[in-house]
Amino acid sequence: MTEEKMIALVNRYFQGVDQQSFDEIAATMSEDCVFSVETHGVMLQGHAEISTMFARLWAKHAAVEHKDF
C-alpha cells in the first residue's frame, strides 16, 4: 500500500468515527479484523464486536472529532 493510500484509509476511518457511520468505518477493515484500544486494554474481533463498541461511544458523547493529524 502506498503512503498516499494509507493516509486516505486512516482519514476515511476517522471520518466514519466522527460522522458516526459504522458502515464507513467497516469499509476500512476486513470482516474478521482485530481491533484494539491499547489505552483501555480492549481487544475486539470482527465487525459485530467493533460496531457495539462504537455504538456505546456514540451514545455517551454528543460528538467526536479528530483533526490536525
PDB file of N, CA and C in Angstrom:
ATOM      1  N   MET A   1       0.851  -1.164   0.000  1.00  0.00           N
ATOM      2  CA  MET A   1       0.000   0.000   0.000  1.00  0.00           C
ATOM      3  C   MET A   1       0.905   1.239   0.000  1.00  0.00           C
ATOM      4  N   THR A   2       0.570   2.176  -0.836  1.00  0.00           N
ATOM      5  CA  THR A   2       1.361   3.401  -0.885  1.00  0.00           C
ATOM      6  C   THR A   2       1.063   4.274   0.331  1.00  0.00           C
ATOM      7  N   GLU A   3       1.966   5.174   0.607  1.00  0.00           N
ATOM      8  CA  GLU A   3       1.761   6.101   1.722  1.00  0.00           C
ATOM      9  C   GLU A   3       0.483   6.916   1.507  1.00  0.00           C
ATOM     10  N   GLU A   4       0.259   7.348   0.281  1.00  0.00           N
ATOM     11  CA  GLU A   4      -0.935   8.137  -0.035  1.00  0.00           C
ATOM     12  C   GLU A   4      -2.218   7.344   0.240  1.00  0.00           C
ATOM     13  N   LYS A   5      -2.232   6.073  -0.147  1.00  0.00           N
ATOM     14  CA  LYS A   5      -3.414   5.233   0.098  1.00  0.00           C
ATOM     15  C   LYS A   5      -3.598   4.963   1.589  1.00  0.00           C
ATOM     16  N   MET A   6      -2.508   4.792   2.313  1.00  0.00           N
ATOM     17  CA  MET A   6      -2.591   4.556   3.749  1.00  0.00           C
ATOM     18  C   MET A   6      -3.174   5.787   4.457  1.00  0.00           C
ATOM     19  N   ILE A   7      -2.716   6.954   4.073  1.00  0.00           N
ATOM     20  CA  ILE A   7      -3.237   8.193   4.662  1.00  0.00           C
ATOM     21  C   ILE A   7      -4.726   8.335   4.357  1.00  0.00           C
ATOM     22  N   ALA A   8      -5.127   8.035   3.127  1.00  0.00           N
ATOM     23  CA  ALA A   8      -6.539   8.117   2.753  1.00  0.00           C
ATOM     24  C   ALA A   8      -7.381   7.136   3.571  1.00  0.00           C
ATOM     25  N   LEU A   9      -6.863   5.946   3.808  1.00  0.00           N
ATOM     26  CA  LEU A   9      -7.570   4.937   4.599  1.00  0.00           C
ATOM     27  C   LEU A   9      -7.756   5.407   6.038  1.00  0.00           C
ATOM     28  N   VAL A  10      -6.709   5.944   6.629  1.00  0.00           N
ATOM     29  CA  VAL A  10      -6.798   6.456   8.009  1.00  0.00           C
ATOM     30  C   VAL A  10      -7.789   7.618   8.079  1.00  0.00           C
ATOM     31  N   ASN A  11      -7.721   8.520   7.119  1.00  0.00           N
ATOM     32  CA  ASN A  11      -8.660   9.647   7.103  1.00  0.00           C
ATOM     33  C   ASN A  11     -10.096   9.169   6.950  1.00  0.00           C
ATOM     34  N   ARG A  12     -10.313   8.150   6.120  1.00  0.00           N
ATOM     35  CA  ARG A  12     -11.666   7.594   5.948  1.00  0.00           C
ATOM     36  C   ARG A  12     -12.165   6.975   7.250  1.00  0.00           C
ATOM     37  N   TYR A  13     -11.301   6.250   7.947  1.00  0.00           N
ATOM     38  CA  TYR A  13     -11.668   5.655   9.233  1.00  0.00           C
ATOM     39  C   TYR A  13     -12.117   6.738  10.214  1.00  0.00           C
ATOM     40  N   PHE A  14     -11.305   7.767  10.402  1.00  0.00           N
ATOM     41  CA  PHE A  14     -11.649   8.805  11.376  1.00  0.00           C
ATOM     42  C   PHE A  14     -12.850   9.632  10.932  1.00  0.00           C
ATOM     43  N   GLN A  15     -13.042   9.783   9.636  1.00  0.00           N
ATOM     44  CA  GLN A  15     -14.240  10.455   9.148  1.00  0.00           C
ATOM     45  C   GLN A  15     -15.475   9.642   9.550  1.00  0.00           C
ATOM     46  N   GLY A  16     -15.408   8.329   9.412  1.00  0.00           N
ATOM     47  CA  GLY A  16     -16.503   7.463   9.834  1.00  0.00           C
ATOM     48  C   GLY A  16     -16.772   7.569  11.322  1.00  0.00           C
ATOM     49  N   VAL A  17     -15.714   7.623  12.127  1.00  0.00           N
ATOM     50  CA  VAL A  17     -15.878   7.770  13.579  1.00  0.00           C
ATOM     51  C   VAL A  17     -16.588   9.088  13.884  1.00  0.00           C
ATOM     52  N   ASP A  18     -16.087  10.173  13.302  1.00  0.00           N
ATOM     53  CA  ASP A  18     -16.638  11.495  13.594  1.00  0.00           C
ATOM     54  C   ASP A  18     -18.066  11.665  13.081  1.00  0.00           C
ATOM     55  N   GLN A  19     -18.403  10.992  11.988  1.00  0.00           N
ATOM     56  CA  GLN A  19     -19.749  11.090  11.414  1.00  0.00           C
ATOM     57  C   GLN A  19     -20.691  10.014  11.954  1.00  0.00           C
ATOM     58  N   GLN A  20     -20.193   9.235  12.894  1.00  0.00           N
ATOM     59  CA  GLN A  20     -20.970   8.156  13.500  1.00  0.00           C
ATOM     60  C   GLN A  20     -21.520   7.197  12.445  1.00  0.00           C
ATOM     61  N   SER A  21     -20.650   6.799  11.530  1.00  0.00           N
ATOM     62  CA  SER A  21     -21.032   5.891  10.457  1.00  0.00           C
ATOM     63  C   SER A  21     -20.207   4.614  10.544  1.00  0.00           C
ATOM     64  N   PHE A  22     -20.800   3.574  11.121  1.00  0.00           N
ATOM     65  CA  PHE A  22     -20.042   2.335  11.189  1.00  0.00           C
ATOM     66  C   PHE A  22     -19.839   1.737   9.803  1.00  0.00           C
ATOM     67  N   ASP A  23     -20.732   1.980   8.877  1.00  0.00           N
ATOM     68  CA  ASP A  23     -20.526   1.488   7.508  1.00  0.00           C
ATOM     69  C   ASP A  23     -19.226   2.042   6.934  1.00  0.00           C
ATOM     70  N   GLU A  24     -18.964   3.320   7.177  1.00  0.00           N
ATOM     71  CA  GLU A  24     -17.725   3.938   6.685  1.00  0.00           C
ATOM     72  C   GLU A  24     -16.505   3.331   7.389  1.00  0.00           C
ATOM     73  N   ILE A  25     -16.614   3.132   8.693  1.00  0.00           N
ATOM     74  CA  ILE A  25     -15.521   2.511   9.454  1.00  0.00           C
ATOM     75  C   ILE A  25     -15.279   1.087   8.942  1.00  0.00           C
ATOM     76  N   ALA A  26     -16.349   0.324   8.790  1.00  0.00           N
ATOM     77  CA  ALA A  26     -16.236  -1.075   8.358  1.00  0.00           C
ATOM     78  C   ALA A  26     -15.587  -1.184   6.984  1.00  0.00           C
ATOM     79  N   ALA A  27     -15.772  -0.174   6.156  1.00  0.00           N
ATOM     80  CA  ALA A  27     -15.174  -0.199   4.823  1.00  0.00           C
ATOM     81  C   ALA A  27     -13.652  -0.111   4.881  1.00  0.00           C
ATOM     82  N   THR A  28     -13.105   0.241   6.034  1.00  0.00           N
ATOM     83  CA  THR A  28     -11.654   0.351   6.181  1.00  0.00           C
ATOM     84  C   THR A  28     -11.031  -0.893   6.812  1.00  0.00           C
ATOM     85  N   MET A  29     -11.846  -1.902   7.138  1.00  0.00           N
ATOM     86  CA  MET A  29     -11.346  -3.085   7.842  1.00  0.00           C
ATOM     87  C   MET A  29     -11.893  -4.362   7.201  1.00  0.00           C
ATOM     88  N   SER A  30     -11.137  -5.421   7.351  1.00  0.00           N
ATOM     89  CA  SER A  30     -11.647  -6.719   6.909  1.00  0.00           C
ATOM     90  C   SER A  30     -12.732  -7.179   7.882  1.00  0.00           C
ATOM     91  N   GLU A  31     -13.575  -8.087   7.434  1.00  0.00           N
ATOM     92  CA  GLU A  31     -14.690  -8.587   8.252  1.00  0.00           C
ATOM     93  C   GLU A  31     -14.209  -9.234   9.555  1.00  0.00           C
ATOM     94  N   ASP A  32     -13.035  -9.845   9.529  1.00  0.00           N
ATOM     95  CA  ASP A  32     -12.536 -10.565  10.705  1.00  0.00           C
ATOM     96  C   ASP A  32     -11.362  -9.850  11.382  1.00  0.00           C
ATOM     97  N   CYS A  33     -11.259  -8.553  11.166  1.00  0.00           N
ATOM     98  CA  CYS A  33     -10.115  -7.823  11.733  1.00  0.00           C
ATOM     99  C   CYS A  33     -10.131  -7.848  13.266  1.00  0.00           C
ATOM    100  N   VAL A  34      -8.981  -7.618  13.835  1.00  0.00           N
ATOM    101  CA  VAL A  34      -8.839  -7.495  15.282  1.00  0.00           C
ATOM    102  C   VAL A  34      -8.577  -6.025  15.573  1.00  0.00           C
ATOM    103  N   PHE A  35      -9.363  -5.466  16.476  1.00  0.00           N
ATOM    104  CA  PHE A  35      -9.320  -4.040  16.794  1.00  0.00           C
ATOM    105  C   PHE A  35      -8.947  -3.913  18.264  1.00  0.00           C
ATOM    106  N   SER A  36      -7.907  -3.156  18.552  1.00  0.00           N
ATOM    107  CA  SER A  36      -7.522  -2.990  19.956  1.00  0.00           C
ATOM    108  C   SER A  36      -7.454  -1.514  20.314  1.00  0.00           C
ATOM    109  N   VAL A  37      -7.816  -1.241  21.557  1.00  0.00           N
ATOM    110  CA  VAL A  37      -7.676   0.093  22.135  1.00  0.00           C
ATOM    111  C   VAL A  37      -6.666  -0.077  23.259  1.00  0.00           C
ATOM    112  N   GLU A  38      -5.434   0.180  22.949  1.00  0.00           N
ATOM    113  CA  GLU A  38      -4.335  -0.101  23.874  1.00  0.00           C
ATOM    114  C   GLU A  38      -4.486   0.651  25.196  1.00  0.00           C
ATOM    115  N   THR A  39      -4.977   1.871  25.150  1.00  0.00           N
ATOM    116  CA  THR A  39      -5.095   2.677  26.376  1.00  0.00           C
ATOM    117  C   THR A  39      -6.157   2.150  27.333  1.00  0.00           C
ATOM    118  N   HIS A  40      -7.051   1.286  26.840  1.00  0.00           N
ATOM    119  CA  HIS A  40      -8.116   0.746  27.687  1.00  0.00           C
ATOM    120  C   HIS A  40      -8.059  -0.771  27.823  1.00  0.00           C
ATOM    121  N   GLY A  41      -7.042  -1.395  27.231  1.00  0.00           N
ATOM    122  CA  GLY A  41      -6.924  -2.848  27.325  1.00  0.00           C
ATOM    123  C   GLY A  41      -8.067  -3.586  26.653  1.00  0.00           C
ATOM    124  N   VAL A  42      -8.606  -3.038  25.569  1.00  0.00           N
ATOM    125  CA  VAL A  42      -9.746  -3.621  24.869  1.00  0.00           C
ATOM    126  C   VAL A  42      -9.259  -4.294  23.595  1.00  0.00           C
ATOM    127  N   MET A  43      -9.746  -5.509  23.350  1.00  0.00           N
ATOM    128  CA  MET A  43      -9.457  -6.196  22.100  1.00  0.00           C
ATOM    129  C   MET A  43     -10.761  -6.805  21.592  1.00  0.00           C
ATOM    130  N   LEU A  44     -11.127  -6.437  20.373  1.00  0.00           N
ATOM    131  CA  LEU A  44     -12.375  -6.892  19.762  1.00  0.00           C
ATOM    132  C   LEU A  44     -12.055  -7.538  18.424  1.00  0.00           C
ATOM    133  N   GLN A  45     -12.878  -8.503  18.018  1.00  0.00           N
ATOM    134  CA  GLN A  45     -12.657  -9.149  16.729  1.00  0.00           C
ATOM    135  C   GLN A  45     -13.946  -9.151  15.926  1.00  0.00           C
ATOM    136  N   GLY A  46     -13.838  -8.694  14.698  1.00  0.00           N
ATOM    137  CA  GLY A  46     -14.961  -8.714  13.768  1.00  0.00           C
ATOM    138  C   GLY A  46     -15.853  -7.491  13.884  1.00  0.00           C
ATOM    139  N   HIS A  47     -16.579  -7.253  12.813  1.00  0.00           N
ATOM    140  CA  HIS A  47     -17.425  -6.066  12.737  1.00  0.00           C
ATOM    141  C   HIS A  47     -18.485  -6.005  13.829  1.00  0.00           C
ATOM    142  N   ALA A  48     -19.065  -7.125  14.201  1.00  0.00           N
ATOM    143  CA  ALA A  48     -20.137  -7.112  15.207  1.00  0.00           C
ATOM    144  C   ALA A  48     -19.630  -6.583  16.546  1.00  0.00           C
ATOM    145  N   GLU A  49     -18.508  -7.093  17.019  1.00  0.00           N
ATOM    146  CA  GLU A  49     -17.958  -6.623  18.295  1.00  0.00           C
ATOM    147  C   GLU A  49     -17.508  -5.167  18.201  1.00  0.00           C
ATOM    148  N   ILE A  50     -16.901  -4.815  17.096  1.00  0.00           N
ATOM    149  CA  ILE A  50     -16.382  -3.462  16.927  1.00  0.00           C
ATOM    150  C   ILE A  50     -17.535  -2.462  16.834  1.00  0.00           C
ATOM    151  N   SER A  51     -18.594  -2.807  16.123  1.00  0.00           N
ATOM    152  CA  SER A  51     -19.726  -1.887  15.985  1.00  0.00           C
ATOM    153  C   SER A  51     -20.397  -1.639  17.328  1.00  0.00           C
ATOM    154  N   THR A  52     -20.430  -2.646  18.186  1.00  0.00           N
ATOM    155  CA  THR A  52     -21.001  -2.470  19.528  1.00  0.00           C
ATOM    156  C   THR A  52     -20.208  -1.441  20.318  1.00  0.00           C
ATOM    157  N   MET A  53     -18.885  -1.480  20.215  1.00  0.00           N
ATOM    158  CA  MET A  53     -18.049  -0.508  20.910  1.00  0.00           C
ATOM    159  C   MET A  53     -18.347   0.905  20.422  1.00  0.00           C
ATOM    160  N   PHE A  54     -18.457   1.071  19.100  1.00  0.00           N
ATOM    161  CA  PHE A  54     -18.734   2.404  18.565  1.00  0.00           C
ATOM    162  C   PHE A  54     -20.132   2.879  18.956  1.00  0.00           C
ATOM    163  N   ALA A  55     -21.105   1.996  18.983  1.00  0.00           N
ATOM    164  CA  ALA A  55     -22.458   2.380  19.409  1.00  0.00           C
ATOM    165  C   ALA A  55     -22.432   2.918  20.841  1.00  0.00           C
ATOM    166  N   ARG A  56     -21.676   2.265  21.719  1.00  0.00           N
ATOM    167  CA  ARG A  56     -21.544   2.753  23.107  1.00  0.00           C
ATOM    168  C   ARG A  56     -20.838   4.104  23.141  1.00  0.00           C
ATOM    169  N   LEU A  57     -19.776   4.241  22.363  1.00  0.00           N
ATOM    170  CA  LEU A  57     -19.038   5.501  22.311  1.00  0.00           C
ATOM    171  C   LEU A  57     -19.955   6.639  21.884  1.00  0.00           C
ATOM    172  N   TRP A  58     -20.676   6.441  20.798  1.00  0.00           N
ATOM    173  CA  TRP A  58     -21.534   7.498  20.267  1.00  0.00           C
ATOM    174  C   TRP A  58     -22.701   7.797  21.193  1.00  0.00           C
ATOM    175  N   ALA A  59     -23.186   6.810  21.934  1.00  0.00           N
ATOM    176  CA  ALA A  59     -24.297   7.039  22.868  1.00  0.00           C
ATOM    177  C   ALA A  59     -23.858   7.886  24.065  1.00  0.00           C
ATOM    178  N   LYS A  60     -22.579   7.827  24.404  1.00  0.00           N
ATOM    179  CA  LYS A  60     -22.075   8.526  25.595  1.00  0.00           C
ATOM    180  C   LYS A  60     -21.502   9.910  25.293  1.00  0.00           C
ATOM    181  N   HIS A  61     -21.342  10.251  24.024  1.00  0.00           N
ATOM    182  CA  HIS A  61     -20.730  11.530  23.656  1.00  0.00           C
ATOM    183  C   HIS A  61     -21.588  12.240  22.617  1.00  0.00           C
ATOM    184  N   ALA A  62     -21.785  13.536  22.803  1.00  0.00           N
ATOM    185  CA  ALA A  62     -22.565  14.318  21.848  1.00  0.00           C
ATOM    186  C   ALA A  62     -21.885  14.354  20.488  1.00  0.00           C
ATOM    187  N   ALA A  63     -20.568  14.389  20.496  1.00  0.00           N
ATOM    188  CA  ALA A  63     -19.800  14.440  19.245  1.00  0.00           C
ATOM    189  C   ALA A  63     -18.398  13.942  19.493  1.00  0.00           C
ATOM    190  N   VAL A  64     -17.799  13.460  18.435  1.00  0.00           N
ATOM    191  CA  VAL A  64     -16.391  13.047  18.463  1.00  0.00           C
ATOM    192  C   VAL A  64     -15.737  13.735  17.275  1.00  0.00           C
ATOM    193  N   GLU A  65     -14.544  14.298  17.490  1.00  0.00           N
ATOM    194  CA  GLU A  65     -13.870  14.995  16.390  1.00  0.00           C
ATOM    195  C   GLU A  65     -12.382  14.693  16.410  1.00  0.00           C
ATOM    196  N   HIS A  66     -11.890  14.284  15.259  1.00  0.00           N
ATOM    197  CA  HIS A  66     -10.455  14.030  15.074  1.00  0.00           C
ATOM    198  C   HIS A  66      -9.976  14.991  13.997  1.00  0.00           C
ATOM    199  N   LYS A  67      -8.883  15.692  14.269  1.00  0.00           N
ATOM    200  CA  LYS A  67      -8.352  16.638  13.274  1.00  0.00           C
ATOM    201  C   LYS A  67      -6.905  16.937  13.563  1.00  0.00           C
ATOM    202  N   ASP A  68      -6.293  17.644  12.661  1.00  0.00           N
ATOM    203  CA  ASP A  68      -4.923  18.119  12.819  1.00  0.00           C
ATOM    204  C   ASP A  68      -3.912  16.998  13.026  1.00  0.00           C
ATOM    205  N   PHE A  69      -3.984  15.966  12.210  1.00  0.00           N
ATOM    206  CA  PHE A  69      -3.025  14.881  12.310  1.00  0.00           C
ATOM    207  C   PHE A  69      -1.679  15.331  11.819  1.00  0.00           C
TER     208      PHE A  69
END
